[in-house]
Protein backbone atom coordinates (compact mmCIF):
# COMPACT_ATOMS: atom_id res chain seq x y z
CA MET A 1 2.79 4.12 -170.74
CA ALA A 2 2.23 1.50 -168.19
CA THR A 3 -0.17 1.27 -165.30
CA ILE A 4 1.51 -0.89 -162.68
CA THR A 5 -0.82 -2.29 -160.04
CA SER A 6 0.86 -1.71 -156.33
CA ILE A 7 -1.22 -4.23 -154.35
CA GLY A 8 -2.45 -7.75 -154.54
CA LEU A 9 -1.03 -11.13 -154.30
CA LEU A 10 1.99 -10.71 -156.69
CA ALA A 11 2.48 -6.79 -156.11
CA THR A 12 5.23 -5.53 -153.82
CA GLY A 13 3.71 -2.42 -152.93
CA THR A 14 6.09 -0.41 -154.65
CA VAL A 15 5.72 1.35 -158.13
CA ASN A 16 8.32 2.96 -160.34
CA LEU A 17 6.68 5.96 -161.89
CA CYS A 18 9.91 6.65 -163.92
CA THR A 19 13.59 6.30 -164.09
CA ALA A 20 15.79 8.88 -165.35
CA GLN A 21 13.03 11.04 -167.23
CA THR A 22 13.91 14.25 -168.67
CA GLY A 23 11.39 16.98 -170.41
CA THR A 24 8.24 17.64 -169.32
CA GLY A 25 4.94 15.74 -169.01
CA ALA A 26 3.47 12.88 -167.18
CA THR A 27 5.75 9.89 -165.60
CA THR A 28 6.28 7.11 -167.98
CA ASN A 29 4.25 4.95 -165.62
CA ILE A 30 1.00 5.32 -163.49
CA ALA A 31 0.35 3.63 -160.21
CA ASP A 32 -2.76 1.76 -159.64
CA ARG A 33 -3.41 1.01 -156.06
CA GLY A 34 -7.07 -0.38 -156.88
CA SER A 35 -8.37 -3.55 -155.47
CA THR A 36 -7.44 -6.92 -156.98
CA VAL A 37 -9.14 -8.88 -154.53
CA GLY A 38 -12.62 -7.91 -154.98
CA ALA A 39 -15.01 -5.12 -155.56
CA GLY A 40 -15.88 -5.03 -151.69
CA ASP A 41 -12.06 -4.56 -150.42
CA ARG A 42 -11.62 -0.90 -150.11
CA ALA A 43 -8.97 -0.67 -147.64
CA SER A 44 -6.31 -1.25 -150.40
CA THR A 45 -7.62 1.95 -152.24
CA THR A 46 -7.70 4.20 -149.25
CA GLY A 47 -4.23 3.84 -147.41
CA PRO A 48 -1.22 5.77 -147.37
CA ALA A 49 1.38 6.14 -149.91
CA LEU A 50 4.75 7.37 -149.78
CA LEU A 51 6.38 9.50 -152.89
CA ARG A 52 10.27 9.56 -153.67
CA ILE A 53 11.37 11.71 -156.16
CA VAL A 54 15.16 11.47 -156.77
CA THR A 55 16.91 14.11 -159.18
CA THR A 56 20.35 14.49 -160.82
CA VAL A 57 20.88 18.15 -162.24
CA GLY A 58 22.81 20.04 -164.79
CA ALA A 59 23.53 23.84 -165.20
CA THR A 60 20.74 26.26 -163.99
CA PRO A 61 18.26 23.30 -162.91
CA THR A 62 14.35 23.65 -161.95
CA CYS A 63 11.33 21.53 -162.49
CA THR A 64 8.17 21.90 -161.21
CA TYR A 65 6.22 18.88 -160.08
CA ALA A 66 2.31 18.14 -159.68
CA VAL A 67 1.10 15.16 -158.15
CA GLU A 68 -1.69 13.84 -159.54
CA GLY A 69 -4.69 11.42 -158.51
CA SER A 70 -7.43 9.89 -160.49
CA ALA A 71 -10.37 7.70 -159.97
CA ASN A 72 -10.56 6.16 -163.50
CA GLY A 73 -7.11 6.89 -165.10
CA THR A 74 -8.28 9.26 -167.45
CA ASP A 75 -9.62 12.38 -165.40
CA TRP A 76 -6.52 13.65 -163.21
CA PHE A 77 -6.90 16.18 -160.36
CA ALA A 78 -3.97 17.53 -158.06
CA ALA A 79 -3.99 14.82 -155.25
CA PRO A 80 -3.24 16.03 -151.72
CA ILE A 81 0.17 15.65 -150.63
CA ALA A 82 2.17 16.40 -147.28
CA ASP A 83 5.83 17.27 -146.40
CA PRO A 84 7.53 14.62 -143.87
CA ALA A 85 8.00 17.70 -141.62
CA THR A 86 4.47 18.69 -141.41
CA PRO A 87 2.68 15.38 -142.07
CA GLU A 88 -0.59 17.11 -140.97
CA THR A 89 -0.56 20.00 -143.36
CA VAL A 90 -2.09 18.96 -146.60
CA SER A 91 -1.62 20.92 -149.95
CA VAL A 92 -2.29 20.25 -153.29
CA ALA A 93 -0.13 23.08 -154.60
CA THR A 94 2.65 22.26 -157.17
CA PHE A 95 6.44 22.34 -155.95
CA ALA A 96 9.74 22.99 -157.38
CA VAL A 97 13.17 21.39 -157.29
CA THR A 98 16.46 23.57 -158.12
CA THR A 99 19.03 21.15 -156.74
CA ALA A 100 20.16 17.34 -156.86
CA THR A 101 18.20 16.03 -154.05
CA THR A 102 15.87 13.47 -152.80
CA THR A 103 12.42 14.88 -152.06
CA ILE A 104 9.70 12.54 -150.15
CA LYS A 105 6.34 13.52 -149.99
CA PHE A 106 3.38 11.80 -148.18
CA LEU A 107 -0.15 10.88 -149.50
CA ARG A 108 -2.38 10.87 -146.62
CA PRO A 109 -5.11 7.79 -146.19
CA GLY A 110 -8.70 8.51 -146.89
CA HIS A 111 -8.38 10.70 -149.89
CA ALA A 112 -10.17 9.75 -153.35
CA TRP A 113 -7.43 8.37 -155.63
CA ARG A 114 -7.06 5.13 -157.26
CA TYR A 115 -4.29 5.97 -159.55
CA LEU A 116 -1.27 8.07 -159.11
CA ARG A 117 1.22 9.78 -161.76
CA VAL A 118 3.54 12.95 -161.40
CA THR A 119 3.41 15.40 -164.07
CA PHE A 120 6.74 17.59 -164.83
CA SER A 121 6.60 21.09 -165.99
CA ALA A 122 9.32 23.90 -166.67
CA ASN A 123 12.00 21.00 -166.58
CA THR A 124 15.55 22.88 -167.24
CA ASN A 125 18.44 20.46 -166.97
CA VAL A 126 16.57 17.94 -164.23
CA THR A 127 16.50 14.25 -164.55
CA ASN A 128 14.06 12.64 -162.32
CA THR A 129 13.37 9.20 -161.09
CA VAL A 130 10.14 8.70 -159.15
CA ASP A 131 8.85 5.79 -157.02
CA VAL A 132 5.73 5.24 -154.74
CA TRP A 133 4.92 2.78 -152.07
CA THR A 134 1.29 2.29 -151.19
CA PHE A 135 0.33 0.73 -147.86
């Protein structure tokens, strides 16, 4: 598992958490939006982020997703997310996908997470590609 920095002089602001990942468990990679400029620079660790999950499916597909944040990359908790249709309604609940689709989730600014991953559970015949953009 790699931890990929999403900010800093050489970073693009985009992290691929996984490509064509099947099964259950955490994404192959972890996004790190922590500051590489200096300890006093907190703007990079408190801004919004956009999560995109692209699925391809087989017969009778289902997969449950938990978006997880961490302050230290070790202790994980449910990260607050919002749907684009209702961006002011924040939830920490898991969600399921049962079709081939692209799902977008917003991670609102000001919430306490530096590291981000997605954990898949109850995955039956779903292949996931997950990317995150930090701002």
